[in-house]
Protein backbone atom coordinates (compact mmCIF):
# COMPACT_ATOMS: atom_id res chain seq x y z
CA MET A 1 143.77 103.24 129.16
CA TYR A 2 141.90 99.70 130.27
CA ILE A 3 139.40 101.49 132.01
CA LYS A 4 139.08 103.98 129.20
CA TYR A 5 138.06 100.59 126.85
CA VAL A 6 136.13 99.09 129.57
CA PHE A 7 134.07 102.16 129.47
CA ILE A 8 133.57 102.29 125.78
CA CYS A 9 132.26 98.78 125.70
CA ILE A 10 129.85 99.30 128.25
CA LEU A 11 128.56 102.45 126.38
CA LEU A 12 128.20 100.31 123.50
CA LEU A 13 126.58 97.76 124.88
CA PHE A 14 123.82 100.15 126.75
CA PHE A 15 123.32 101.94 123.14
CA SER A 16 123.02 98.82 121.68
CA ASN A 17 120.28 97.21 123.78
CA LEU A 18 118.34 100.61 123.64
CA PHE A 19 117.95 100.62 120.03
CA SER A 20 117.29 96.48 119.96
CA GLN A 21 114.47 97.55 122.77
CA GLU A 22 113.22 100.41 120.61
CA SER A 23 113.13 97.80 117.19
CA ILE A 24 111.19 95.39 119.13
CA ALA A 25 108.74 98.25 120.35
CA ARG A 26 108.39 99.37 116.47
CA GLU A 27 107.78 95.78 115.87
CA GLU A 28 104.69 95.87 118.54
CA ASP A 29 103.45 98.76 116.98
CA LEU A 30 103.41 97.76 113.48
CA VAL A 31 99.82 96.58 113.12
CA ASN A 32 98.59 99.87 114.59
CA HIS A 33 100.58 101.80 112.30
CA TRP A 34 99.32 100.13 109.22
CA ARG A 35 95.87 99.86 110.45
CA LYS A 36 96.18 103.64 110.06
CA GLU A 37 97.61 103.77 106.39
CA LEU A 38 94.85 101.19 105.19
CA SER A 39 92.01 102.97 106.99
CA ARG A 40 92.31 105.72 103.91
CA PHE A 41 91.29 103.18 101.61
CA ASN A 42 88.82 101.15 104.11
CA TYR A 43 90.78 98.16 104.52
CA SER A 44 91.04 97.27 108.33
CA LEU A 45 93.01 94.47 110.03
CA PRO A 46 91.47 92.52 112.71
CA GLU A 47 92.65 91.44 115.94
CA GLU A 48 93.24 88.21 115.18
CA PHE A 49 95.63 89.48 112.60
CA GLU A 50 97.77 91.10 114.92
CA LEU A 51 97.51 88.05 117.23
CA THR A 52 98.93 85.74 114.76
CA PHE A 53 101.72 88.66 113.55
CA LYS A 54 103.12 88.25 116.99
CA LYS A 55 103.00 85.20 117.52
CA PHE A 56 105.21 84.29 114.48
CA ASN A 57 107.23 86.51 115.69
CA TYR A 58 106.68 89.44 113.71
CA LYS A 59 108.01 87.30 110.64
CA ARG A 60 103.77 86.38 109.29
CA GLY A 61 100.39 86.53 110.36
CA GLY A 62 96.86 86.44 108.85
CA ALA A 63 93.28 86.63 109.49
CA LEU A 64 90.24 84.73 107.67
CA ILE A 65 86.82 86.71 107.18
CA PRO A 66 83.81 85.37 105.64
CA ASN A 67 84.86 84.91 101.91
CA ALA A 68 88.41 87.02 102.37
CA ARG A 69 91.78 86.14 103.85
CA LYS A 70 94.09 88.72 104.70
CA ASN A 71 97.92 88.01 105.71
CA VAL A 72 101.10 89.59 106.25
CA LYS A 73 104.59 88.11 105.52
CA LEU A 74 108.42 89.95 105.98
CA ILE A 75 109.85 89.91 102.82
CA GLU A 76 113.79 89.88 101.95
CA ASP A 77 113.23 90.44 97.66
CA PHE A 78 112.47 93.98 97.92
CA LYS A 79 115.10 95.36 100.17
CA ASN A 80 116.56 97.53 97.14
CA GLU A 81 113.07 99.01 96.81
CA GLY A 82 112.53 100.12 100.63
CA ILE A 83 110.03 97.48 101.31
CA ASN A 84 109.90 94.84 103.89
CA TYR A 85 106.44 93.95 104.46
CA GLN A 86 103.95 93.01 102.35
CA ILE A 87 100.04 92.48 103.29
CA ASN A 88 98.06 90.56 100.72
CA PHE A 89 94.19 90.91 100.78
CA GLU A 90 92.40 87.91 98.76
CA ASN A 91 88.66 87.12 97.52
CA THR A 92 88.61 83.21 98.58
CA ALA A 93 85.22 83.00 97.38
CA ASN A 94 85.88 83.78 93.36
CA PRO A 95 87.66 80.30 91.93
CA LEU A 96 88.53 82.51 89.07
CA SER A 97 91.17 84.68 90.58
CA GLY A 98 91.38 83.22 94.29
CA SER A 99 94.50 83.26 95.26
CA ASP A 100 96.36 83.96 92.19
CA VAL A 101 95.53 87.60 91.89
CA LYS A 102 95.59 89.23 95.15
CA LEU A 103 95.63 93.52 96.59
CA ALA A 104 98.85 93.87 98.01
CA ALA A 105 100.06 96.53 100.37
CA TYR A 106 103.88 97.21 100.73
CA PHE A 107 105.21 98.53 103.34
CA ASN A 108 108.73 100.04 104.89
CA ASN A 109 108.36 99.17 108.32
CA GLU A 110 105.31 101.38 109.29
CA LYS A 111 105.35 103.58 106.11
CA LEU A 112 102.92 102.53 103.11
CA VAL A 113 105.30 102.42 100.11
CA LEU A 114 103.18 101.19 97.27
CA ILE A 115 99.32 99.44 97.14
CA THR A 116 98.61 97.08 93.54
CA SER A 117 97.65 94.09 92.86
CA THR A 118 99.15 91.05 92.09
CA SER A 119 99.15 87.98 89.28
CA LEU A 120 100.53 84.86 88.35
CA TYR A 121 103.69 85.14 86.08
CA LEU A 122 103.18 82.99 83.20
CA ASP A 123 106.54 82.03 82.21
CA LYS A 124 106.77 81.58 78.12
CA TYR A 125 109.73 79.13 78.68
CA ARG A 126 107.65 77.16 81.55
CA ARG A 127 110.79 77.31 83.60
CA TYR A 128 110.03 75.22 86.57
CA GLU A 129 111.89 77.35 89.30
CA TYR A 130 109.82 80.54 87.80
CA SER A 131 106.26 78.67 88.46
CA ASN A 132 103.66 80.51 91.22
CA ILE A 133 105.77 83.56 91.02
CA LEU A 134 103.03 86.54 91.93
CA VAL A 135 104.15 89.87 90.06
CA LYS A 136 103.12 93.30 90.60
CA SER A 137 100.58 94.17 87.24
CA GLY A 138 97.96 96.63 86.87
CA GLN A 139 96.73 100.32 88.64
CA ALA A 140 99.76 101.22 91.14
CA TYR A 141 99.54 103.58 94.04
CA GLU A 142 103.41 104.69 94.82
CA TYR A 143 104.04 107.03 97.98
CA ASP A 144 107.50 108.14 98.85
CA MET A 145 108.85 108.61 102.27
CA ASP A 146 107.16 111.98 102.71
CA GLY A 147 103.55 110.34 101.36
CA ASN A 148 103.56 111.95 97.95
CA LEU A 149 102.04 110.29 95.41
CA THR A 150 102.99 108.50 91.85
CA LEU A 151 99.95 106.96 90.35
CA SER A 152 101.64 104.32 87.70
CA CYS A 153 100.90 101.22 85.79
CA PHE A 154 102.78 97.60 85.98
CA ASP A 155 102.60 95.08 83.11
CA ASN A 156 102.99 91.28 83.32
CA THR A 157 105.78 91.07 80.79
CA GLN A 158 108.10 88.14 80.06
CA ARG A 159 111.50 88.64 81.69
CA GLU A 160 114.42 86.72 81.80
CA THR A 161 115.58 86.79 85.58
CA TYR A 162 114.05 86.17 89.23
CA SER A 163 114.94 89.56 90.04
CA GLU A 164 113.66 91.06 87.02
CA ILE A 165 110.27 89.17 87.31
CA ILE A 166 109.80 90.30 90.96
CA SER A 167 110.73 93.57 89.87
CA ARG A 168 108.48 96.89 88.84
CA GLU A 169 108.13 96.52 85.43
CA TYR A 170 106.64 99.99 84.32
CA CYS A 171 104.38 100.34 81.55
CA GLY A 172 102.39 103.70 80.14
CA GLU A 173 102.79 106.51 81.77
CA SER A 174 103.53 107.72 85.89
CA ILE A 175 101.89 110.60 87.05
CA THR A 176 103.87 112.46 89.95
CA VAL A 177 100.81 114.27 92.35
CA GLY A 178 101.41 117.18 94.63
CA PHE A 179 99.28 119.04 96.83
CA GLN A 180 95.31 119.05 96.37
CA ASN A 181 96.06 116.87 93.08
CA GLU A 182 97.98 119.27 91.43
CA ILE A 183 100.04 117.46 88.19
CA LEU A 184 103.76 117.88 89.13
CA ASN A 185 104.87 115.28 86.24
CA VAL A 186 104.02 112.96 84.02
CA LYS A 187 106.73 110.56 82.63
CA LYS A 188 106.32 108.11 79.54
CA HIS A 189 107.92 104.88 80.00
CA ARG A 190 109.00 102.69 77.04
CA LEU A 191 106.72 99.94 77.29
CA LYS A 192 103.17 100.38 76.34
CA CYS A 193 100.94 98.61 78.35
CA GLN A 194 99.52 95.56 77.26
CA HIS A 195 96.38 95.51 79.20
CA GLU A 196 94.20 98.03 80.47
CA CYS A 197 95.50 99.77 83.52
CA THR A 198 92.77 99.46 85.63
CA PRO A 199 92.55 98.38 89.54
CA PHE A 200 91.51 95.16 91.32
CA TYR A 201 89.93 94.87 94.52
CA PRO A 202 89.13 91.54 95.79
CA PHE A 203 86.66 92.95 97.93
CA ARG A 204 85.04 96.39 99.51
CA GLU A 205 84.42 96.71 103.62
CA LYS A 206 81.89 98.57 105.16
CA GLY A 207 82.31 102.48 105.02
CA ILE A 208 81.43 105.69 103.13
CA TYR A 209 82.57 105.69 99.80
CA PHE A 210 82.42 108.43 96.75
CA VAL A 211 81.56 107.38 93.19
CA THR A 212 84.34 107.47 90.83
CA ARG A 213 82.59 108.85 87.49
CA ASN A 214 79.61 110.16 86.31
CA ASN A 215 76.94 107.91 85.10
CA ALA A 216 77.90 104.87 87.47
CA ASN A 217 74.86 102.41 86.94
CA LEU A 218 73.27 101.74 90.10
CA ARG A 219 71.62 98.48 89.74
CA ARG A 220 68.99 96.64 91.22
CA GLU A 221 70.65 92.99 90.81
CA SER A 222 73.87 92.28 92.01
CA HIS A 223 75.45 92.05 88.24
CA SER A 224 75.81 93.85 85.02
CA LYS A 225 72.80 93.09 83.34
CA GLY A 226 70.59 93.98 86.38
CA ILE A 227 67.95 96.59 86.12
CA VAL A 228 69.32 100.28 86.08
CA LEU A 229 67.63 102.06 88.70
CA LYS A 230 69.79 105.27 89.05
CA PHE A 231 72.80 107.06 87.25
CA LEU A 232 74.88 108.69 89.61
CA SER A 233 76.91 111.31 89.43
CA LYS A 234 80.77 111.61 90.21
CA ASP A 235 81.42 112.05 93.62
CA SER A 236 78.16 111.33 95.04
CA LYS A 237 78.51 109.66 98.50
CA VAL A 238 77.02 106.55 99.39
CA GLU A 239 77.17 103.79 102.63
CA LEU A 240 78.36 100.36 101.77
CA LEU A 241 76.28 98.03 103.17
CA GLU A 242 77.55 94.69 101.89
CA ASP A 243 79.76 92.89 99.32
CA THR A 244 77.91 90.08 97.52
CA PHE A 245 81.57 88.85 96.24
CA GLN A 246 79.88 88.70 92.88
CA GLN A 247 82.74 89.70 91.07
CA GLU A 248 83.04 90.74 87.57
CA TRP A 249 85.63 92.46 85.14
CA ILE A 250 84.51 95.65 83.17
CA LYS A 251 86.00 97.28 80.23
CA GLY A 252 87.59 100.49 81.20
CA LEU A 253 86.58 100.27 84.75
CA GLY A 254 88.42 97.14 86.20
CA THR A 255 87.62 94.25 88.24
CA ALA A 256 85.45 94.02 91.55
CA ASN A 257 82.47 92.60 93.34
CA TYR A 258 79.31 94.13 93.09
CA VAL A 259 78.24 95.61 96.55
CA LYS A 260 75.04 96.78 98.34
CA VAL A 261 74.91 100.62 98.72
CA ARG A 262 72.85 103.43 100.23
CA LEU A 263 72.37 106.22 98.88
CA ASP A 264 71.79 110.40 100.74
CA ASP A 265 68.04 109.87 99.89
CA GLY A 266 67.92 106.35 101.78
CA GLY A 267 67.77 104.55 98.38
CA GLU A 268 69.49 101.50 98.13
CA GLY A 269 70.90 99.27 94.72
CA TYR A 270 73.80 97.57 93.56
CA LEU A 271 77.16 99.24 92.53
CA HIS A 272 79.95 97.67 90.72
CA GLY A 273 83.02 97.95 93.29
CA ALA A 274 85.46 99.55 90.95
CA TYR A 275 83.28 102.67 90.64
CA LEU A 276 83.83 103.62 94.59
CA ARG A 277 86.76 105.07 95.89
CA ALA A 278 87.23 105.30 99.71
CA PRO A 279 87.67 108.74 101.32
CA GLY A 280 91.43 108.96 101.74
CA GLU A 281 91.75 106.81 98.31
CA PRO A 282 93.23 108.84 95.41
CA ASP A 283 90.72 110.30 92.68
CA VAL A 284 92.24 108.31 89.58
CA THR A 285 89.85 110.04 87.15
CA LEU A 286 90.30 113.35 88.56
CA ILE A 287 94.30 112.85 88.44
CA ARG A 288 94.29 111.39 84.83
CA GLU A 289 91.84 114.20 83.55
CA ARG A 290 94.79 116.93 84.94
CA ALA A 291 97.48 115.04 83.56
CA GLU A 292 96.22 115.28 80.67
CA GLU A 293 95.82 119.03 80.41
CA TRP A 294 99.38 118.85 82.25
CA LYS A 295 100.78 117.12 79.02
CA LYS A 296 98.94 119.88 76.76
CA ARG A 297 100.09 122.76 78.34
CA ASN A 298 103.95 121.24 78.24
CA GLY A 299 103.39 119.47 74.79
CA VAL A 300 104.02 116.22 76.15
CA LYS A 301 102.26 113.63 73.76
CA GLY A 302 101.00 110.63 75.26
CA TYR A 303 100.38 106.50 74.22
């Protein structure tokens, strides 16, 4: 009996060490998995990011690049959402948004769960303990564990408790998307969005992009009053050459920097960054158009 007990203990110890080694190996591989997921949106993670992540025992890390910052942290607050890592992308060149507004990618280990923006929570009661909390807001890409997409919107509304403040506060509609952008469901939420459900891009990296809507203004200068050189049609392919870090909010479009792009015919100019989507990024314009058709077919009323 004693020998059997010892044998079982040895087996338990062996498998415990085996699982522990697998866990460590998985942590060492996390950045490569994140790189693959984020490459769909043309976001990269430099070597410095990976080195600092390992240096701080896979709890946090980051990297500074010109006019921007990328950082990661292990988080405990979103266990009920299946989230344990948060990667932030910040525009350090803009004094208006700065560190208060970020693009955040949330992961369950190596799996991408959510991409949305975060903004500073403004508590109407001015409670000190709730100051400097960043909450999810604006347009959101939600992914299940099989990688299926739901396009949603979060609102920065007043809430009572800490758990309510940091949770996802849905507003408007959530659109569940299937293969080849087939609309599977449109869910209307209780809250109507207080603000436009538009994206926030702190910066854009070099690479190939597609124009998100018709009549996108290609300008000679990098601001909304610049002379229009050409109107680009939806799905036009452009090469992003440089981010100017000159940020603007445009009604109905979102917040982003003006970027310098090159067209297929060799022409160059400046586009507002929210006119662009990376090759692996959801085609929000198409999804919303098809969602409207789905609602008409199924007798669903929107806001």
